Amino acid sequence: MPGPSARGRLIFPFVVELAQLDTAATGADPDGAGPLTSGYDAYFREPLKVLAEATDQVGETVREETLVQIRAQIEPNLFESLQAYLGGAEVDTQFAIVAHFRDLEQAGLVDAATGNPLIRPRDRMTRILTTKGQVVQTIDDPPGLYVTEVQPRGFGPAGRNLLLIKFESRDQTVSTP
């Protein structure tokens, strides 16, 4: 049986902070005795943005999230498009990172029963940090970078070892009851 080093390692790892969508908390009644019964839009099943007052044009999201940090390798060919996007250029941003299953397992982000990663579409990236905790990049929301695809990669003698996580920016809209 191959040892732990047979699983390989990340090249130039960073720490990526994700805000994972808490579907149960988001689905709870966001306004108590008000007209809403769920934090999700009835038609689109997306978290609502609720106006704080009648003149509000943006609204506040009722999205509930839990922050997690994972070690990951940044895919360099897409970093330039992220820089242009955050600098104000109108580009469709696609961004990808590669995480190691060993790190995900240690962080409790792999389902023990199924082996499936617990990173899912609709989770979003909030920051990229060095492994020493220094902020490299903060991702503004809106427009945000949301997970769109999670795909195991890099199967080897010791089993699977890498997880490709793809992100895309999303336009935000206001939804009211």
C-alpha atoms as a PDB file:
ATOM      1  CA  MET A   1       0.000   0.000   0.000  1.00  0.00           C
ATOM      2  CA  PRO A   2       1.493   3.378  -1.003  1.00  0.00           C
ATOM      3  CA  GLY A   3       2.267   5.804   1.832  1.00  0.00           C
ATOM      4  CA  PRO A   4       0.833   9.311   2.357  1.00  0.00           C
ATOM      5  CA  SER A   5       3.543  10.914   0.211  1.00  0.00           C
ATOM      6  CA  ALA A   6       2.233   8.922  -2.786  1.00  0.00           C
ATOM      7  CA  ARG A   7      -0.800  11.221  -2.778  1.00  0.00           C
ATOM      8  CA  GLY A   8       1.398  14.103  -3.913  1.00  0.00           C
ATOM      9  CA  ARG A   9       1.205  17.720  -2.810  1.00  0.00           C
ATOM     10  CA  LEU A  10       0.112  21.156  -3.967  1.00  0.00           C
ATOM     11  CA  ILE A  11       2.558  23.421  -5.774  1.00  0.00           C
ATOM     12  CA  PHE A  12       2.792  26.944  -4.263  1.00  0.00           C
ATOM     13  CA  PRO A  13      -0.290  26.633  -2.023  1.00  0.00           C
ATOM     14  CA  PHE A  14      -2.362  29.556  -0.797  1.00  0.00           C
ATOM     15  CA  VAL A  15      -5.272  29.605   1.635  1.00  0.00           C
ATOM     16  CA  VAL A  16      -8.670  30.215   0.060  1.00  0.00           C
ATOM     17  CA  GLU A  17     -11.547  31.352   2.253  1.00  0.00           C
ATOM     18  CA  LEU A  18     -15.001  30.175   1.232  1.00  0.00           C
ATOM     19  CA  ALA A  19     -18.399  31.280   2.505  1.00  0.00           C
ATOM     20  CA  GLN A  20     -20.487  28.119   2.424  1.00  0.00           C
ATOM     21  CA  LEU A  21     -24.222  28.567   1.979  1.00  0.00           C
ATOM     22  CA  ASP A  22     -26.186  27.347   5.018  1.00  0.00           C
ATOM     23  CA  THR A  23     -29.375  26.228   3.263  1.00  0.00           C
ATOM     24  CA  ALA A  24     -31.366  25.544   6.441  1.00  0.00           C
ATOM     25  CA  ALA A  25     -30.625  28.922   8.059  1.00  0.00           C
ATOM     26  CA  THR A  26     -31.181  30.780   4.768  1.00  0.00           C
ATOM     27  CA  GLY A  27     -34.536  29.025   4.303  1.00  0.00           C
ATOM     28  CA  ALA A  28     -35.836  30.210   7.689  1.00  0.00           C
ATOM     29  CA  ASP A  29     -38.434  32.981   7.908  1.00  0.00           C
ATOM     30  CA  PRO A  30     -36.373  36.201   7.481  1.00  0.00           C
ATOM     31  CA  ASP A  31     -38.933  38.753   8.690  1.00  0.00           C
ATOM     32  CA  GLY A  32     -40.852  37.099  11.553  1.00  0.00           C
ATOM     33  CA  ALA A  33     -44.432  38.373  11.384  1.00  0.00           C
ATOM     34  CA  GLY A  34     -43.902  39.942   7.922  1.00  0.00           C
ATOM     35  CA  PRO A  35     -45.122  38.565   4.612  1.00  0.00           C
ATOM     36  CA  LEU A  36     -42.093  36.333   3.924  1.00  0.00           C
ATOM     37  CA  THR A  37     -42.056  32.690   4.987  1.00  0.00           C
ATOM     38  CA  SER A  38     -38.669  31.704   3.548  1.00  0.00           C
ATOM     39  CA  GLY A  39     -35.355  33.328   2.714  1.00  0.00           C
ATOM     40  CA  TYR A  40     -35.555  31.819  -0.785  1.00  0.00           C
ATOM     41  CA  ASP A  41     -37.287  33.233  -3.846  1.00  0.00           C
ATOM     42  CA  ALA A  42     -40.307  30.998  -4.536  1.00  0.00           C
ATOM     43  CA  TYR A  43     -39.596  30.769  -8.262  1.00  0.00           C
ATOM     44  CA  PHE A  44     -35.820  30.873  -8.627  1.00  0.00           C
ATOM     45  CA  ARG A  45     -34.872  29.179  -5.313  1.00  0.00           C
ATOM     46  CA  GLU A  46     -32.136  31.767  -4.777  1.00  0.00           C
ATOM     47  CA  PRO A  47     -31.568  33.631  -1.490  1.00  0.00           C
ATOM     48  CA  LEU A  48     -33.705  36.767  -1.359  1.00  0.00           C
ATOM     49  CA  LYS A  49     -32.477  40.329  -1.169  1.00  0.00           C
ATOM     50  CA  VAL A  50     -34.896  42.254   1.010  1.00  0.00           C
ATOM     51  CA  LEU A  51     -35.224  46.033   0.913  1.00  0.00           C
ATOM     52  CA  ALA A  52     -34.530  47.670   4.265  1.00  0.00           C
ATOM     53  CA  GLU A  53     -36.785  50.627   3.347  1.00  0.00           C
ATOM     54  CA  ALA A  54     -38.892  51.697   0.367  1.00  0.00           C
ATOM     55  CA  THR A  55     -36.131  53.906  -1.110  1.00  0.00           C
ATOM     56  CA  ASP A  56     -33.502  51.166  -0.863  1.00  0.00           C
ATOM     57  CA  GLN A  57     -32.266  50.139  -4.333  1.00  0.00           C
ATOM     58  CA  VAL A  58     -29.896  47.325  -3.395  1.00  0.00           C
ATOM     59  CA  GLY A  59     -31.360  45.398  -0.469  1.00  0.00           C
ATOM     60  CA  GLU A  60     -29.748  43.121   2.070  1.00  0.00           C
ATOM     61  CA  THR A  61     -29.291  39.434   1.424  1.00  0.00           C
ATOM     62  CA  VAL A  62     -30.806  36.908   3.801  1.00  0.00           C
ATOM     63  CA  ARG A  63     -28.121  34.418   2.763  1.00  0.00           C
ATOM     64  CA  GLU A  64     -26.609  32.705   5.818  1.00  0.00           C
ATOM     65  CA  GLU A  65     -23.052  31.430   5.465  1.00  0.00           C
ATOM     66  CA  THR A  66     -20.282  29.629   7.320  1.00  0.00           C
ATOM     67  CA  LEU A  67     -16.654  30.601   6.611  1.00  0.00           C
ATOM     68  CA  VAL A  68     -14.097  27.852   5.958  1.00  0.00           C
ATOM     69  CA  GLN A  69     -10.487  28.021   4.829  1.00  0.00           C
ATOM     70  CA  ILE A  70      -8.759  25.486   2.601  1.00  0.00           C
ATOM     71  CA  ARG A  71      -5.238  25.173   1.246  1.00  0.00           C
ATOM     72  CA  ALA A  72      -5.356  25.377  -2.532  1.00  0.00           C
ATOM     73  CA  GLN A  73      -3.271  25.946  -5.612  1.00  0.00           C
ATOM     74  CA  ILE A  74      -4.350  28.910  -7.729  1.00  0.00           C
ATOM     75  CA  GLU A  75      -4.627  28.136 -11.432  1.00  0.00           C
ATOM     76  CA  PRO A  76      -2.279  30.811 -12.861  1.00  0.00           C
ATOM     77  CA  ASN A  77      -3.755  31.120 -16.361  1.00  0.00           C
ATOM     78  CA  LEU A  78      -6.980  32.474 -14.857  1.00  0.00           C
ATOM     79  CA  PHE A  79      -5.452  34.787 -12.231  1.00  0.00           C
ATOM     80  CA  GLU A  80      -4.886  37.561 -14.792  1.00  0.00           C
ATOM     81  CA  SER A  81      -8.591  37.611 -15.698  1.00  0.00           C
ATOM     82  CA  LEU A  82      -9.453  37.840 -11.987  1.00  0.00           C
ATOM     83  CA  GLN A  83      -7.108  40.823 -11.604  1.00  0.00           C
ATOM     84  CA  ALA A  84      -8.694  42.569 -14.629  1.00  0.00           C
ATOM     85  CA  TYR A  85     -12.186  41.848 -13.317  1.00  0.00           C
ATOM     86  CA  LEU A  86     -11.493  43.180  -9.825  1.00  0.00           C
ATOM     87  CA  GLY A  87      -9.843  46.214 -11.420  1.00  0.00           C
ATOM     88  CA  GLY A  88     -13.140  47.163 -13.081  1.00  0.00           C
ATOM     89  CA  ALA A  89     -12.829  45.535 -16.496  1.00  0.00           C
ATOM     90  CA  GLU A  90     -16.074  44.089 -17.844  1.00  0.00           C
ATOM     91  CA  VAL A  91     -15.068  40.492 -18.398  1.00  0.00           C
ATOM     92  CA  ASP A  92     -16.814  37.248 -17.615  1.00  0.00           C
ATOM     93  CA  THR A  93     -14.665  35.920 -14.828  1.00  0.00           C
ATOM     94  CA  GLN A  94     -13.924  32.262 -14.528  1.00  0.00           C
ATOM     95  CA  PHE A  95     -11.482  31.205 -11.884  1.00  0.00           C
ATOM     96  CA  ALA A  96     -10.228  27.825 -10.705  1.00  0.00           C
ATOM     97  CA  ILE A  97      -8.333  26.408  -7.771  1.00  0.00           C
ATOM     98  CA  VAL A  98      -7.062  22.929  -7.005  1.00  0.00           C
ATOM     99  CA  ALA A  99      -7.359  21.552  -3.476  1.00  0.00           C
ATOM    100  CA  HIS A 100      -5.806  18.368  -2.117  1.00  0.00           C
ATOM    101  CA  PHE A 101      -8.200  15.786  -0.662  1.00  0.00           C
ATOM    102  CA  ARG A 102      -5.811  15.274   2.279  1.00  0.00           C
ATOM    103  CA  ASP A 103      -6.289  18.950   3.282  1.00  0.00           C
ATOM    104  CA  LEU A 104     -10.057  18.731   2.747  1.00  0.00           C
ATOM    105  CA  GLU A 105     -10.252  15.593   4.897  1.00  0.00           C
ATOM    106  CA  GLN A 106      -8.282  17.291   7.699  1.00  0.00           C
ATOM    107  CA  ALA A 107     -10.651  20.292   7.525  1.00  0.00           C
ATOM    108  CA  GLY A 108     -13.735  18.041   7.767  1.00  0.00           C
ATOM    109  CA  LEU A 109     -14.828  18.952   4.231  1.00  0.00           C
ATOM    110  CA  VAL A 110     -15.239  15.396   2.916  1.00  0.00           C
ATOM    111  CA  ASP A 111     -18.357  13.352   3.739  1.00  0.00           C
ATOM    112  CA  ALA A 112     -17.075  10.297   5.646  1.00  0.00           C
ATOM    113  CA  ALA A 113     -19.889   8.034   4.411  1.00  0.00           C
ATOM    114  CA  THR A 114     -19.776   8.881   0.687  1.00  0.00           C
ATOM    115  CA  GLY A 115     -16.308  10.368   0.182  1.00  0.00           C
ATOM    116  CA  ASN A 116     -17.892  13.356  -1.580  1.00  0.00           C
ATOM    117  CA  PRO A 117     -16.403  16.805  -1.005  1.00  0.00           C
ATOM    118  CA  LEU A 118     -18.564  19.185   1.045  1.00  0.00           C
ATOM    119  CA  ILE A 119     -17.812  22.158  -1.201  1.00  0.00           C
ATOM    120  CA  ARG A 120     -20.819  22.810  -3.385  1.00  0.00           C
ATOM    121  CA  PRO A 121     -22.140  25.129  -6.078  1.00  0.00           C
ATOM    122  CA  ARG A 122     -23.439  28.385  -4.562  1.00  0.00           C
ATOM    123  CA  ASP A 123     -20.565  28.543  -2.042  1.00  0.00           C
ATOM    124  CA  ARG A 124     -18.492  31.652  -2.736  1.00  0.00           C
ATOM    125  CA  MET A 125     -14.885  32.748  -2.467  1.00  0.00           C
ATOM    126  CA  THR A 126     -14.251  35.635  -0.068  1.00  0.00           C
ATOM    127  CA  ARG A 127     -10.456  35.923   0.152  1.00  0.00           C
ATOM    128  CA  ILE A 128      -7.118  34.509  -0.915  1.00  0.00           C
ATOM    129  CA  LEU A 129      -4.403  34.496   1.746  1.00  0.00           C
ATOM    130  CA  THR A 130      -0.814  33.355   2.037  1.00  0.00           C
ATOM    131  CA  THR A 131      -0.184  30.248   4.122  1.00  0.00           C
ATOM    132  CA  LYS A 132       0.978  32.650   6.869  1.00  0.00           C
ATOM    133  CA  GLY A 133      -2.430  34.411   6.890  1.00  0.00           C
ATOM    134  CA  GLN A 134      -1.595  37.605   4.978  1.00  0.00           C
ATOM    135  CA  VAL A 135      -4.402  38.767   2.665  1.00  0.00           C
ATOM    136  CA  VAL A 136      -3.460  38.575  -1.023  1.00  0.00           C
ATOM    137  CA  GLN A 137      -6.876  39.371  -2.499  1.00  0.00           C
ATOM    138  CA  THR A 138     -10.363  40.134  -1.185  1.00  0.00           C
ATOM    139  CA  ILE A 139     -13.283  39.227  -3.447  1.00  0.00           C
ATOM    140  CA  ASP A 140     -16.101  41.775  -3.357  1.00  0.00           C
ATOM    141  CA  ASP A 141     -19.703  40.579  -3.270  1.00  0.00           C
ATOM    142  CA  PRO A 142     -21.484  41.637  -5.359  1.00  0.00           C
ATOM    143  CA  PRO A 143     -20.544  40.461  -7.909  1.00  0.00           C
ATOM    144  CA  GLY A 144     -18.658  37.710  -6.082  1.00  0.00           C
ATOM    145  CA  LEU A 145     -17.076  34.506  -7.289  1.00  0.00           C
ATOM    146  CA  TYR A 146     -19.365  31.509  -6.789  1.00  0.00           C
ATOM    147  CA  VAL A 147     -18.546  27.807  -7.055  1.00  0.00           C
ATOM    148  CA  THR A 148     -20.006  26.422 -10.276  1.00  0.00           C
ATOM    149  CA  GLU A 149     -18.219  23.088 -10.554  1.00  0.00           C
ATOM    150  CA  VAL A 150     -16.492  20.654  -8.205  1.00  0.00           C
ATOM    151  CA  GLN A 151     -14.634  17.821  -9.906  1.00  0.00           C
ATOM    152  CA  PRO A 152     -12.247  15.173  -8.496  1.00  0.00           C
ATOM    153  CA  ARG A 153      -8.975  15.005 -10.448  1.00  0.00           C
ATOM    154  CA  GLY A 154      -5.581  13.419 -10.109  1.00  0.00           C
ATOM    155  CA  PHE A 155      -6.214   9.765  -9.405  1.00  0.00           C
ATOM    156  CA  GLY A 156      -3.004   7.871  -8.635  1.00  0.00           C
ATOM    157  CA  PRO A 157      -1.607   4.804  -6.869  1.00  0.00           C
ATOM    158  CA  ALA A 158      -2.883   6.024  -3.484  1.00  0.00           C
ATOM    159  CA  GLY A 159      -6.355   6.917  -4.825  1.00  0.00           C
ATOM    160  CA  ARG A 160      -7.708  10.315  -5.722  1.00  0.00           C
ATOM    161  CA  ASN A 161      -5.795  13.286  -4.486  1.00  0.00           C
ATOM    162  CA  LEU A 162      -6.926  16.525  -6.175  1.00  0.00           C
ATOM    163  CA  LEU A 163     -10.197  18.442  -6.393  1.00  0.00           C
ATOM    164  CA  LEU A 164     -10.746  21.056  -9.096  1.00  0.00           C
ATOM    165  CA  ILE A 165     -13.064  23.871  -7.979  1.00  0.00           C
ATOM    166  CA  LYS A 166     -14.313  26.343 -10.595  1.00  0.00           C
ATOM    167  CA  PHE A 167     -15.807  29.753  -9.827  1.00  0.00           C
ATOM    168  CA  GLU A 168     -17.724  32.320 -11.883  1.00  0.00           C
ATOM    169  CA  SER A 169     -18.955  35.819 -11.170  1.00  0.00           C
ATOM    170  CA  ARG A 170     -22.703  36.340 -10.833  1.00  0.00           C
ATOM    171  CA  ASP A 171     -24.885  39.335 -11.479  1.00  0.00           C
ATOM    172  CA  GLN A 172     -26.980  40.236  -8.463  1.00  0.00           C
ATOM    173  CA  THR A 173     -30.589  41.379  -8.539  1.00  0.00           C
ATOM    174  CA  VAL A 174     -33.072  42.600  -5.970  1.00  0.00           C
ATOM    175  CA  SER A 175     -36.074  40.476  -5.068  1.00  0.00           C
ATOM    176  CA  THR A 176     -38.880  41.674  -2.821  1.00  0.00           C
ATOM    177  CA  PRO A 177     -42.126  40.043  -1.679  1.00  0.00           C
END
